[in-house]
Amino acid sequence: MNTNMAHIAATPAQTMNIAGVYNPGTGNAPTQLVNQAHQLLDIIAWTATSCCVAGILIVVAMMAISHHRGTGSDHFAGLGKVLTACILIGAAGPIVQFLV
């Protein structure tokens, strides 16, 4: 181990003053990082909403096909699961805003 690494390993983290290292305990997060995090969360939210819409369409199409064939299947359980997911995804944003 070279002497610089030994010095860093022996120095407590609170007293280290290395230039260029971001200390998250002080100040605010960088604006660019916050903007990118918001953009990522927006993409995830839109993707989840699109998946819910696709899930409803798939379950309804399966119900229609089963009805046309004259076979009875329990599609209401699947529809209930998809609608529950829609409610949870729709409520996620307001719940987070309430907690923040």
PDB file of N, CA and C in Angstrom:
ATOM      1  N   MET A   1       0.860  -1.171   0.000  1.00  0.00           N
ATOM      2  CA  MET A   1       0.000   0.000   0.000  1.00  0.00           C
ATOM      3  C   MET A   1       0.901   1.227   0.000  1.00  0.00           C
ATOM      4  N   ASN A   2       0.645   2.161  -0.896  1.00  0.00           N
ATOM      5  CA  ASN A   2       1.512   3.336  -0.927  1.00  0.00           C
ATOM      6  C   ASN A   2       1.135   4.281   0.219  1.00  0.00           C
ATOM      7  N   THR A   3       1.963   5.245   0.477  1.00  0.00           N
ATOM      8  CA  THR A   3       1.780   6.096   1.657  1.00  0.00           C
ATOM      9  C   THR A   3       0.535   6.971   1.559  1.00  0.00           C
ATOM     10  N   ASN A   4       0.157   7.414   0.361  1.00  0.00           N
ATOM     11  CA  ASN A   4      -1.050   8.233   0.227  1.00  0.00           C
ATOM     12  C   ASN A   4      -2.290   7.435   0.591  1.00  0.00           C
ATOM     13  N   MET A   5      -2.377   6.190   0.117  1.00  0.00           N
ATOM     14  CA  MET A   5      -3.529   5.353   0.424  1.00  0.00           C
ATOM     15  C   MET A   5      -3.575   5.033   1.915  1.00  0.00           C
ATOM     16  N   ALA A   6      -2.422   4.820   2.519  1.00  0.00           N
ATOM     17  CA  ALA A   6      -2.388   4.536   3.954  1.00  0.00           C
ATOM     18  C   ALA A   6      -2.858   5.753   4.736  1.00  0.00           C
ATOM     19  N   HIS A   7      -2.477   6.940   4.298  1.00  0.00           N
ATOM     20  CA  HIS A   7      -2.905   8.160   4.976  1.00  0.00           C
ATOM     21  C   HIS A   7      -4.416   8.350   4.852  1.00  0.00           C
ATOM     22  N   ILE A   8      -4.959   8.111   3.666  1.00  0.00           N
ATOM     23  CA  ILE A   8      -6.403   8.254   3.457  1.00  0.00           C
ATOM     24  C   ILE A   8      -7.161   7.220   4.279  1.00  0.00           C
ATOM     25  N   ALA A   9      -6.664   5.987   4.324  1.00  0.00           N
ATOM     26  CA  ALA A   9      -7.340   4.938   5.085  1.00  0.00           C
ATOM     27  C   ALA A   9      -7.305   5.233   6.577  1.00  0.00           C
ATOM     28  N   ALA A  10      -6.248   5.886   7.057  1.00  0.00           N
ATOM     29  CA  ALA A  10      -6.126   6.161   8.481  1.00  0.00           C
ATOM     30  C   ALA A  10      -6.861   7.430   8.895  1.00  0.00           C
ATOM     31  N   THR A  11      -7.238   8.293   7.961  1.00  0.00           N
ATOM     32  CA  THR A  11      -7.894   9.553   8.273  1.00  0.00           C
ATOM     33  C   THR A  11      -9.402   9.345   8.374  1.00  0.00           C
ATOM     34  N   PRO A  12     -10.026   9.813   9.451  1.00  0.00           N
ATOM     35  CA  PRO A  12     -11.489   9.691   9.542  1.00  0.00           C
ATOM     36  C   PRO A  12     -12.171  10.453   8.415  1.00  0.00           C
ATOM     37  N   ALA A  13     -13.314   9.943   7.969  1.00  0.00           N
ATOM     38  CA  ALA A  13     -14.016  10.530   6.824  1.00  0.00           C
ATOM     39  C   ALA A  13     -14.484  11.948   7.106  1.00  0.00           C
ATOM     40  N   GLN A  14     -14.781  12.280   8.354  1.00  0.00           N
ATOM     41  CA  GLN A  14     -15.291  13.604   8.679  1.00  0.00           C
ATOM     42  C   GLN A  14     -14.211  14.675   8.519  1.00  0.00           C
ATOM     43  N   THR A  15     -12.954  14.316   8.696  1.00  0.00           N
ATOM     44  CA  THR A  15     -11.900  15.327   8.640  1.00  0.00           C
ATOM     45  C   THR A  15     -11.219  15.388   7.279  1.00  0.00           C
ATOM     46  N   MET A  16     -11.577  14.494   6.367  1.00  0.00           N
ATOM     47  CA  MET A  16     -10.945  14.516   5.043  1.00  0.00           C
ATOM     48  C   MET A  16     -11.426  15.732   4.259  1.00  0.00           C
ATOM     49  N   ASN A  17     -10.524  16.403   3.613  1.00  0.00           N
ATOM     50  CA  ASN A  17     -10.866  17.552   2.792  1.00  0.00           C
ATOM     51  C   ASN A  17     -10.228  17.365   1.430  1.00  0.00           C
ATOM     52  N   ILE A  18     -10.849  16.539   0.613  1.00  0.00           N
ATOM     53  CA  ILE A  18     -10.325  16.253  -0.714  1.00  0.00           C
ATOM     54  C   ILE A  18     -11.071  17.147  -1.694  1.00  0.00           C
ATOM     55  N   ALA A  19     -10.357  17.915  -2.476  1.00  0.00           N
ATOM     56  CA  ALA A  19     -10.980  18.826  -3.440  1.00  0.00           C
ATOM     57  C   ALA A  19     -11.737  18.037  -4.498  1.00  0.00           C
ATOM     58  N   GLY A  20     -12.936  18.516  -4.827  1.00  0.00           N
ATOM     59  CA  GLY A  20     -13.711  17.903  -5.880  1.00  0.00           C
ATOM     60  C   GLY A  20     -14.645  16.799  -5.423  1.00  0.00           C
ATOM     61  N   VAL A  21     -14.608  16.416  -4.160  1.00  0.00           N
ATOM     62  CA  VAL A  21     -15.502  15.376  -3.664  1.00  0.00           C
ATOM     63  C   VAL A  21     -16.743  16.046  -3.102  1.00  0.00           C
ATOM     64  N   TYR A  22     -17.896  15.647  -3.601  1.00  0.00           N
ATOM     65  CA  TYR A  22     -19.154  16.248  -3.163  1.00  0.00           C
ATOM     66  C   TYR A  22     -19.561  15.677  -1.823  1.00  0.00           C
ATOM     67  N   ASN A  23     -19.877  16.522  -0.877  1.00  0.00           N
ATOM     68  CA  ASN A  23     -20.346  16.114   0.435  1.00  0.00           C
ATOM     69  C   ASN A  23     -21.855  16.311   0.471  1.00  0.00           C
ATOM     70  N   PRO A  24     -22.652  15.242   0.440  1.00  0.00           N
ATOM     71  CA  PRO A  24     -24.102  15.393   0.383  1.00  0.00           C
ATOM     72  C   PRO A  24     -24.710  15.925   1.667  1.00  0.00           C
ATOM     73  N   GLY A  25     -23.917  16.016   2.733  1.00  0.00           N
ATOM     74  CA  GLY A  25     -24.445  16.497   4.001  1.00  0.00           C
ATOM     75  C   GLY A  25     -24.596  18.001   4.058  1.00  0.00           C
ATOM     76  N   THR A  26     -24.017  18.724   3.117  1.00  0.00           N
ATOM     77  CA  THR A  26     -24.101  20.181   3.134  1.00  0.00           C
ATOM     78  C   THR A  26     -24.659  20.671   1.810  1.00  0.00           C
ATOM     79  N   GLY A  27     -25.428  21.714   1.869  1.00  0.00           N
ATOM     80  CA  GLY A  27     -25.928  22.333   0.653  1.00  0.00           C
ATOM     81  C   GLY A  27     -27.039  21.549  -0.012  1.00  0.00           C
ATOM     82  N   ASN A  28     -27.256  21.847  -1.269  1.00  0.00           N
ATOM     83  CA  ASN A  28     -28.309  21.208  -2.055  1.00  0.00           C
ATOM     84  C   ASN A  28     -27.691  20.338  -3.130  1.00  0.00           C
ATOM     85  N   ALA A  29     -28.511  19.459  -3.674  1.00  0.00           N
ATOM     86  CA  ALA A  29     -28.059  18.625  -4.784  1.00  0.00           C
ATOM     87  C   ALA A  29     -27.839  19.503  -6.008  1.00  0.00           C
ATOM     88  N   PRO A  30     -26.925  19.119  -6.866  1.00  0.00           N
ATOM     89  CA  PRO A  30     -26.699  19.899  -8.094  1.00  0.00           C
ATOM     90  C   PRO A  30     -27.971  19.972  -8.934  1.00  0.00           C
ATOM     91  N   THR A  31     -28.220  21.134  -9.497  1.00  0.00           N
ATOM     92  CA  THR A  31     -29.448  21.368 -10.255  1.00  0.00           C
ATOM     93  C   THR A  31     -29.570  20.427 -11.440  1.00  0.00           C
ATOM     94  N   GLN A  32     -28.472  20.177 -12.118  1.00  0.00           N
ATOM     95  CA  GLN A  32     -28.506  19.286 -13.274  1.00  0.00           C
ATOM     96  C   GLN A  32     -28.900  17.869 -12.852  1.00  0.00           C
ATOM     97  N   LEU A  33     -28.405  17.408 -11.708  1.00  0.00           N
ATOM     98  CA  LEU A  33     -28.759  16.080 -11.209  1.00  0.00           C
ATOM     99  C   LEU A  33     -30.235  16.009 -10.846  1.00  0.00           C
ATOM    100  N   VAL A  34     -30.750  17.054 -10.228  1.00  0.00           N
ATOM    101  CA  VAL A  34     -32.171  17.093  -9.866  1.00  0.00           C
ATOM    102  C   VAL A  34     -33.035  17.061 -11.120  1.00  0.00           C
ATOM    103  N   ASN A  35     -32.663  17.821 -12.134  1.00  0.00           N
ATOM    104  CA  ASN A  35     -33.424  17.838 -13.385  1.00  0.00           C
ATOM    105  C   ASN A  35     -33.411  16.469 -14.066  1.00  0.00           C
ATOM    106  N   GLN A  36     -32.268  15.806 -14.066  1.00  0.00           N
ATOM    107  CA  GLN A  36     -32.183  14.480 -14.670  1.00  0.00           C
ATOM    108  C   GLN A  36     -32.991  13.459 -13.878  1.00  0.00           C
ATOM    109  N   ALA A  37     -32.988  13.561 -12.550  1.00  0.00           N
ATOM    110  CA  ALA A  37     -33.772  12.646 -11.726  1.00  0.00           C
ATOM    111  C   ALA A  37     -35.266  12.844 -11.974  1.00  0.00           C
ATOM    112  N   HIS A  38     -35.693  14.088 -12.094  1.00  0.00           N
ATOM    113  CA  HIS A  38     -37.105  14.366 -12.402  1.00  0.00           C
ATOM    114  C   HIS A  38     -37.482  13.822 -13.778  1.00  0.00           C
ATOM    115  N   GLN A  39     -36.590  13.982 -14.744  1.00  0.00           N
ATOM    116  CA  GLN A  39     -36.867  13.485 -16.083  1.00  0.00           C
ATOM    117  C   GLN A  39     -36.986  11.956 -16.064  1.00  0.00           C
ATOM    118  N   LEU A  40     -36.107  11.287 -15.327  1.00  0.00           N
ATOM    119  CA  LEU A  40     -36.171   9.833 -15.225  1.00  0.00           C
ATOM    120  C   LEU A  40     -37.475   9.385 -14.570  1.00  0.00           C
ATOM    121  N   LEU A  41     -37.883  10.061 -13.504  1.00  0.00           N
ATOM    122  CA  LEU A  41     -39.133   9.708 -12.835  1.00  0.00           C
ATOM    123  C   LEU A  41     -40.340   9.968 -13.733  1.00  0.00           C
ATOM    124  N   ASP A  42     -40.294  11.024 -14.531  1.00  0.00           N
ATOM    125  CA  ASP A  42     -41.376  11.284 -15.482  1.00  0.00           C
ATOM    126  C   ASP A  42     -41.478  10.173 -16.526  1.00  0.00           C
ATOM    127  N   ILE A  43     -40.331   9.727 -17.016  1.00  0.00           N
ATOM    128  CA  ILE A  43     -40.330   8.642 -18.005  1.00  0.00           C
ATOM    129  C   ILE A  43     -40.891   7.367 -17.394  1.00  0.00           C
ATOM    130  N   ILE A  44     -40.496   7.055 -16.165  1.00  0.00           N
ATOM    131  CA  ILE A  44     -41.000   5.859 -15.493  1.00  0.00           C
ATOM    132  C   ILE A  44     -42.502   5.965 -15.266  1.00  0.00           C
ATOM    133  N   ALA A  45     -42.975   7.146 -14.862  1.00  0.00           N
ATOM    134  CA  ALA A  45     -44.409   7.324 -14.613  1.00  0.00           C
ATOM    135  C   ALA A  45     -45.213   7.151 -15.899  1.00  0.00           C
ATOM    136  N   TRP A  46     -44.754   7.738 -17.001  1.00  0.00           N
ATOM    137  CA  TRP A  46     -45.461   7.597 -18.269  1.00  0.00           C
ATOM    138  C   TRP A  46     -45.425   6.159 -18.768  1.00  0.00           C
ATOM    139  N   THR A  47     -44.311   5.481 -18.561  1.00  0.00           N
ATOM    140  CA  THR A  47     -44.206   4.081 -18.967  1.00  0.00           C
ATOM    141  C   THR A  47     -45.169   3.216 -18.162  1.00  0.00           C
ATOM    142  N   ALA A  48     -45.238   3.446 -16.853  1.00  0.00           N
ATOM    143  CA  ALA A  48     -46.152   2.676 -16.009  1.00  0.00           C
ATOM    144  C   ALA A  48     -47.606   2.929 -16.398  1.00  0.00           C
ATOM    145  N   THR A  49     -47.933   4.175 -16.697  1.00  0.00           N
ATOM    146  CA  THR A  49     -49.296   4.498 -17.116  1.00  0.00           C
ATOM    147  C   THR A  49     -49.624   3.830 -18.450  1.00  0.00           C
ATOM    148  N   SER A  50     -48.680   3.840 -19.367  1.00  0.00           N
ATOM    149  CA  SER A  50     -48.882   3.174 -20.660  1.00  0.00           C
ATOM    150  C   SER A  50     -49.072   1.673 -20.481  1.00  0.00           C
ATOM    151  N   CYS A  51     -48.314   1.079 -19.571  1.00  0.00           N
ATOM    152  CA  CYS A  51     -48.458  -0.356 -19.302  1.00  0.00           C
ATOM    153  C   CYS A  51     -49.832  -0.665 -18.710  1.00  0.00           C
ATOM    154  N   CYS A  52     -50.349   0.211 -17.873  1.00  0.00           N
ATOM    155  CA  CYS A  52     -51.685   0.009 -17.315  1.00  0.00           C
ATOM    156  C   CYS A  52     -52.751   0.050 -18.406  1.00  0.00           C
ATOM    157  N   VAL A  53     -52.636   1.017 -19.292  1.00  0.00           N
ATOM    158  CA  VAL A  53     -53.595   1.107 -20.398  1.00  0.00           C
ATOM    159  C   VAL A  53     -53.499  -0.133 -21.278  1.00  0.00           C
ATOM    160  N   ALA A  54     -52.278  -0.569 -21.580  1.00  0.00           N
ATOM    161  CA  ALA A  54     -52.091  -1.773 -22.389  1.00  0.00           C
ATOM    162  C   ALA A  54     -52.643  -2.999 -21.670  1.00  0.00           C
ATOM    163  N   GLY A  55     -52.462  -3.072 -20.358  1.00  0.00           N
ATOM    164  CA  GLY A  55     -52.984  -4.193 -19.586  1.00  0.00           C
ATOM    165  C   GLY A  55     -54.497  -4.266 -19.630  1.00  0.00           C
ATOM    166  N   ILE A  56     -55.146  -3.124 -19.513  1.00  0.00           N
ATOM    167  CA  ILE A  56     -56.612  -3.090 -19.597  1.00  0.00           C
ATOM    168  C   ILE A  56     -57.065  -3.536 -20.980  1.00  0.00           C
ATOM    169  N   LEU A  57     -56.408  -3.040 -22.026  1.00  0.00           N
ATOM    170  CA  LEU A  57     -56.783  -3.425 -23.388  1.00  0.00           C
ATOM    171  C   LEU A  57     -56.583  -4.923 -23.628  1.00  0.00           C
ATOM    172  N   ILE A  58     -55.516  -5.486 -23.096  1.00  0.00           N
ATOM    173  CA  ILE A  58     -55.253  -6.917 -23.271  1.00  0.00           C
ATOM    174  C   ILE A  58     -56.308  -7.756 -22.568  1.00  0.00           C
ATOM    175  N   VAL A  59     -56.644  -7.391 -21.317  1.00  0.00           N
ATOM    176  CA  VAL A  59     -57.657  -8.155 -20.581  1.00  0.00           C
ATOM    177  C   VAL A  59     -59.015  -8.053 -21.271  1.00  0.00           C
ATOM    178  N   VAL A  60     -59.363  -6.870 -21.734  1.00  0.00           N
ATOM    179  CA  VAL A  60     -60.651  -6.692 -22.423  1.00  0.00           C
ATOM    180  C   VAL A  60     -60.666  -7.484 -23.732  1.00  0.00           C
ATOM    181  N   ALA A  61     -59.554  -7.507 -24.459  1.00  0.00           N
ATOM    182  CA  ALA A  61     -59.486  -8.289 -25.698  1.00  0.00           C
ATOM    183  C   ALA A  61     -59.626  -9.779 -25.398  1.00  0.00           C
ATOM    184  N   MET A  62     -59.000 -10.252 -24.333  1.00  0.00           N
ATOM    185  CA  MET A  62     -59.137 -11.659 -23.956  1.00  0.00           C
ATOM    186  C   MET A  62     -60.569 -11.988 -23.556  1.00  0.00           C
ATOM    187  N   MET A  63     -61.232 -11.061 -22.885  1.00  0.00           N
ATOM    188  CA  MET A  63     -62.639 -11.262 -22.528  1.00  0.00           C
ATOM    189  C   MET A  63     -63.501 -11.348 -23.780  1.00  0.00           C
ATOM    190  N   ALA A  64     -63.244 -10.485 -24.732  1.00  0.00           N
ATOM    191  CA  ALA A  64     -64.035 -10.477 -25.965  1.00  0.00           C
ATOM    192  C   ALA A  64     -63.821 -11.755 -26.759  1.00  0.00           C
ATOM    193  N   ILE A  65     -62.590 -12.217 -26.840  1.00  0.00           N
ATOM    194  CA  ILE A  65     -62.300 -13.454 -27.572  1.00  0.00           C
ATOM    195  C   ILE A  65     -62.976 -14.648 -26.891  1.00  0.00           C
ATOM    196  N   SER A  66     -62.905 -14.708 -25.564  1.00  0.00           N
ATOM    197  CA  SER A  66     -63.551 -15.802 -24.834  1.00  0.00           C
ATOM    198  C   SER A  66     -65.066 -15.764 -25.016  1.00  0.00           C
ATOM    199  N   HIS A  67     -65.644 -14.591 -25.013  1.00  0.00           N
ATOM    200  CA  HIS A  67     -67.089 -14.462 -25.203  1.00  0.00           C
ATOM    201  C   HIS A  67     -67.488 -14.883 -26.619  1.00  0.00           C
ATOM    202  N   HIS A  68     -66.668 -14.499 -27.598  1.00  0.00           N
ATOM    203  CA  HIS A  68     -66.959 -14.855 -28.984  1.00  0.00           C
ATOM    204  C   HIS A  68     -66.886 -16.366 -29.199  1.00  0.00           C
ATOM    205  N   ARG A  69     -65.930 -17.025 -28.540  1.00  0.00           N
ATOM    206  CA  ARG A  69     -65.777 -18.482 -28.670  1.00  0.00           C
ATOM    207  C   ARG A  69     -66.811 -19.247 -27.842  1.00  0.00           C
ATOM    208  N   GLY A  70     -67.429 -18.565 -26.904  1.00  0.00           N
ATOM    209  CA  GLY A  70     -68.406 -19.219 -26.054  1.00  0.00           C
ATOM    210  C   GLY A  70     -67.795 -19.926 -24.863  1.00  0.00           C
ATOM    211  N   THR A  71     -66.531 -19.663 -24.602  1.00  0.00           N
ATOM    212  CA  THR A  71     -65.883 -20.267 -23.438  1.00  0.00           C
ATOM    213  C   THR A  71     -65.916 -19.271 -22.290  1.00  0.00           C
ATOM    214  N   GLY A  72     -66.125 -19.794 -21.128  1.00  0.00           N
ATOM    215  CA  GLY A  72     -66.147 -18.918 -19.957  1.00  0.00           C
ATOM    216  C   GLY A  72     -64.809 -18.967 -19.244  1.00  0.00           C
ATOM    217  N   SER A  73     -64.258 -17.844 -19.020  1.00  0.00           N
ATOM    218  CA  SER A  73     -63.005 -17.750 -18.276  1.00  0.00           C
ATOM    219  C   SER A  73     -63.155 -16.657 -17.228  1.00  0.00           C
ATOM    220  N   ASP A  74     -62.325 -16.756 -16.223  1.00  0.00           N
ATOM    221  CA  ASP A  74     -62.393 -15.781 -15.139  1.00  0.00           C
ATOM    222  C   ASP A  74     -61.432 -14.636 -15.433  1.00  0.00           C
ATOM    223  N   HIS A  75     -61.866 -13.710 -16.267  1.00  0.00           N
ATOM    224  CA  HIS A  75     -61.026 -12.578 -16.628  1.00  0.00           C
ATOM    225  C   HIS A  75     -61.195 -11.414 -15.657  1.00  0.00           C
ATOM    226  N   PHE A  76     -62.223 -11.479 -14.827  1.00  0.00           N
ATOM    227  CA  PHE A  76     -62.446 -10.369 -13.905  1.00  0.00           C
ATOM    228  C   PHE A  76     -61.347 -10.283 -12.850  1.00  0.00           C
ATOM    229  N   ALA A  77     -60.745 -11.412 -12.504  1.00  0.00           N
ATOM    230  CA  ALA A  77     -59.617 -11.367 -11.567  1.00  0.00           C
ATOM    231  C   ALA A  77     -58.440 -10.622 -12.191  1.00  0.00           C
ATOM    232  N   GLY A  78     -58.165 -10.904 -13.459  1.00  0.00           N
ATOM    233  CA  GLY A  78     -57.091 -10.195 -14.151  1.00  0.00           C
ATOM    234  C   GLY A  78     -57.391  -8.719 -14.305  1.00  0.00           C
ATOM    235  N   LEU A  79     -58.658  -8.413 -14.605  1.00  0.00           N
ATOM    236  CA  LEU A  79     -59.045  -7.015 -14.729  1.00  0.00           C
ATOM    237  C   LEU A  79     -58.928  -6.300 -13.389  1.00  0.00           C
ATOM    238  N   GLY A  80     -59.278  -6.997 -12.318  1.00  0.00           N
ATOM    239  CA  GLY A  80     -59.142  -6.415 -10.982  1.00  0.00           C
ATOM    240  C   GLY A  80     -57.691  -6.128 -10.634  1.00  0.00           C
ATOM    241  N   LYS A  81     -56.789  -7.037 -11.005  1.00  0.00           N
ATOM    242  CA  LYS A  81     -55.364  -6.823 -10.740  1.00  0.00           C
ATOM    243  C   LYS A  81     -54.834  -5.629 -11.519  1.00  0.00           C
ATOM    244  N   VAL A  82     -55.229  -5.526 -12.772  1.00  0.00           N
ATOM    245  CA  VAL A  82     -54.763  -4.413 -13.604  1.00  0.00           C
ATOM    246  C   VAL A  82     -55.312  -3.089 -13.074  1.00  0.00           C
ATOM    247  N   LEU A  83     -56.583  -3.076 -12.698  1.00  0.00           N
ATOM    248  CA  LEU A  83     -57.168  -1.839 -12.172  1.00  0.00           C
ATOM    249  C   LEU A  83     -56.556  -1.459 -10.826  1.00  0.00           C
ATOM    250  N   THR A  84     -56.215  -2.450 -10.006  1.00  0.00           N
ATOM    251  CA  THR A  84     -55.528  -2.164  -8.741  1.00  0.00           C
ATOM    252  C   THR A  84     -54.162  -1.538  -9.011  1.00  0.00           C
ATOM    253  N   ALA A  85     -53.450  -2.069 -10.003  1.00  0.00           N
ATOM    254  CA  ALA A  85     -52.158  -1.485 -10.377  1.00  0.00           C
ATOM    255  C   ALA A  85     -52.334  -0.055 -10.867  1.00  0.00           C
ATOM    256  N   CYS A  86     -53.397   0.199 -11.635  1.00  0.00           N
ATOM    257  CA  CYS A  86     -53.673   1.557 -12.115  1.00  0.00           C
ATOM    258  C   CYS A  86     -53.916   2.516 -10.959  1.00  0.00           C
ATOM    259  N   ILE A  87     -54.661   2.069  -9.966  1.00  0.00           N
ATOM    260  CA  ILE A  87     -54.941   2.920  -8.802  1.00  0.00           C
ATOM    261  C   ILE A  87     -53.661   3.203  -8.030  1.00  0.00           C
ATOM    262  N   LEU A  88     -52.840   2.180  -7.830  1.00  0.00           N
ATOM    263  CA  LEU A  88     -51.588   2.387  -7.090  1.00  0.00           C
ATOM    264  C   LEU A  88     -50.643   3.320  -7.830  1.00  0.00           C
ATOM    265  N   ILE A  89     -50.542   3.152  -9.136  1.00  0.00           N
ATOM    266  CA  ILE A  89     -49.661   4.025  -9.913  1.00  0.00           C
ATOM    267  C   ILE A  89     -50.197   5.452  -9.939  1.00  0.00           C
ATOM    268  N   GLY A  90     -51.512   5.580 -10.058  1.00  0.00           N
ATOM    269  CA  GLY A  90     -52.102   6.914 -10.050  1.00  0.00           C
ATOM    270  C   GLY A  90     -51.981   7.617  -8.708  1.00  0.00           C
ATOM    271  N   ALA A  91     -51.981   6.844  -7.624  1.00  0.00           N
ATOM    272  CA  ALA A  91     -51.893   7.428  -6.286  1.00  0.00           C
ATOM    273  C   ALA A  91     -50.459   7.641  -5.827  1.00  0.00           C
ATOM    274  N   ALA A  92     -49.485   7.086  -6.536  1.00  0.00           N
ATOM    275  CA  ALA A  92     -48.095   7.189  -6.098  1.00  0.00           C
ATOM    276  C   ALA A  92     -47.606   8.643  -6.045  1.00  0.00           C
ATOM    277  N   GLY A  93     -47.901   9.415  -7.064  1.00  0.00           N
ATOM    278  CA  GLY A  93     -47.446  10.813  -7.097  1.00  0.00           C
ATOM    279  C   GLY A  93     -48.003  11.646  -5.952  1.00  0.00           C
ATOM    280  N   PRO A  94     -49.328  11.651  -5.734  1.00  0.00           N
ATOM    281  CA  PRO A  94     -49.868  12.413  -4.608  1.00  0.00           C
ATOM    282  C   PRO A  94     -49.374  11.929  -3.245  1.00  0.00           C
ATOM    283  N   ILE A  95     -49.148  10.625  -3.101  1.00  0.00           N
ATOM    284  CA  ILE A  95     -48.634  10.120  -1.822  1.00  0.00           C
ATOM    285  C   ILE A  95     -47.224  10.647  -1.565  1.00  0.00           C
ATOM    286  N   VAL A  96     -46.390  10.635  -2.591  1.00  0.00           N
ATOM    287  CA  VAL A  96     -45.034  11.152  -2.443  1.00  0.00           C
ATOM    288  C   VAL A  96     -45.049  12.646  -2.159  1.00  0.00           C
ATOM    289  N   GLN A  97     -45.898  13.402  -2.858  1.00  0.00           N
ATOM    290  CA  GLN A  97     -46.000  14.837  -2.612  1.00  0.00           C
ATOM    291  C   GLN A  97     -46.469  15.132  -1.188  1.00  0.00           C
ATOM    292  N   PHE A  98     -47.350  14.306  -0.664  1.00  0.00           N
ATOM    293  CA  PHE A  98     -47.827  14.489   0.703  1.00  0.00           C
ATOM    294  C   PHE A  98     -46.704  14.236   1.698  1.00  0.00           C
ATOM    295  N   LEU A  99     -45.868  13.231   1.433  1.00  0.00           N
ATOM    296  CA  LEU A  99     -44.788  12.900   2.348  1.00  0.00           C
ATOM    297  C   LEU A  99     -43.642  13.904   2.289  1.00  0.00           C
ATOM    298  N   VAL A 100     -43.474  14.550   1.145  1.00  0.00           N
ATOM    299  CA  VAL A 100     -42.375  15.515   1.004  1.00  0.00           C
ATOM    300  C   VAL A 100     -42.874  16.828   1.508  1.00  0.00           C
TER     301      VAL A 100
END
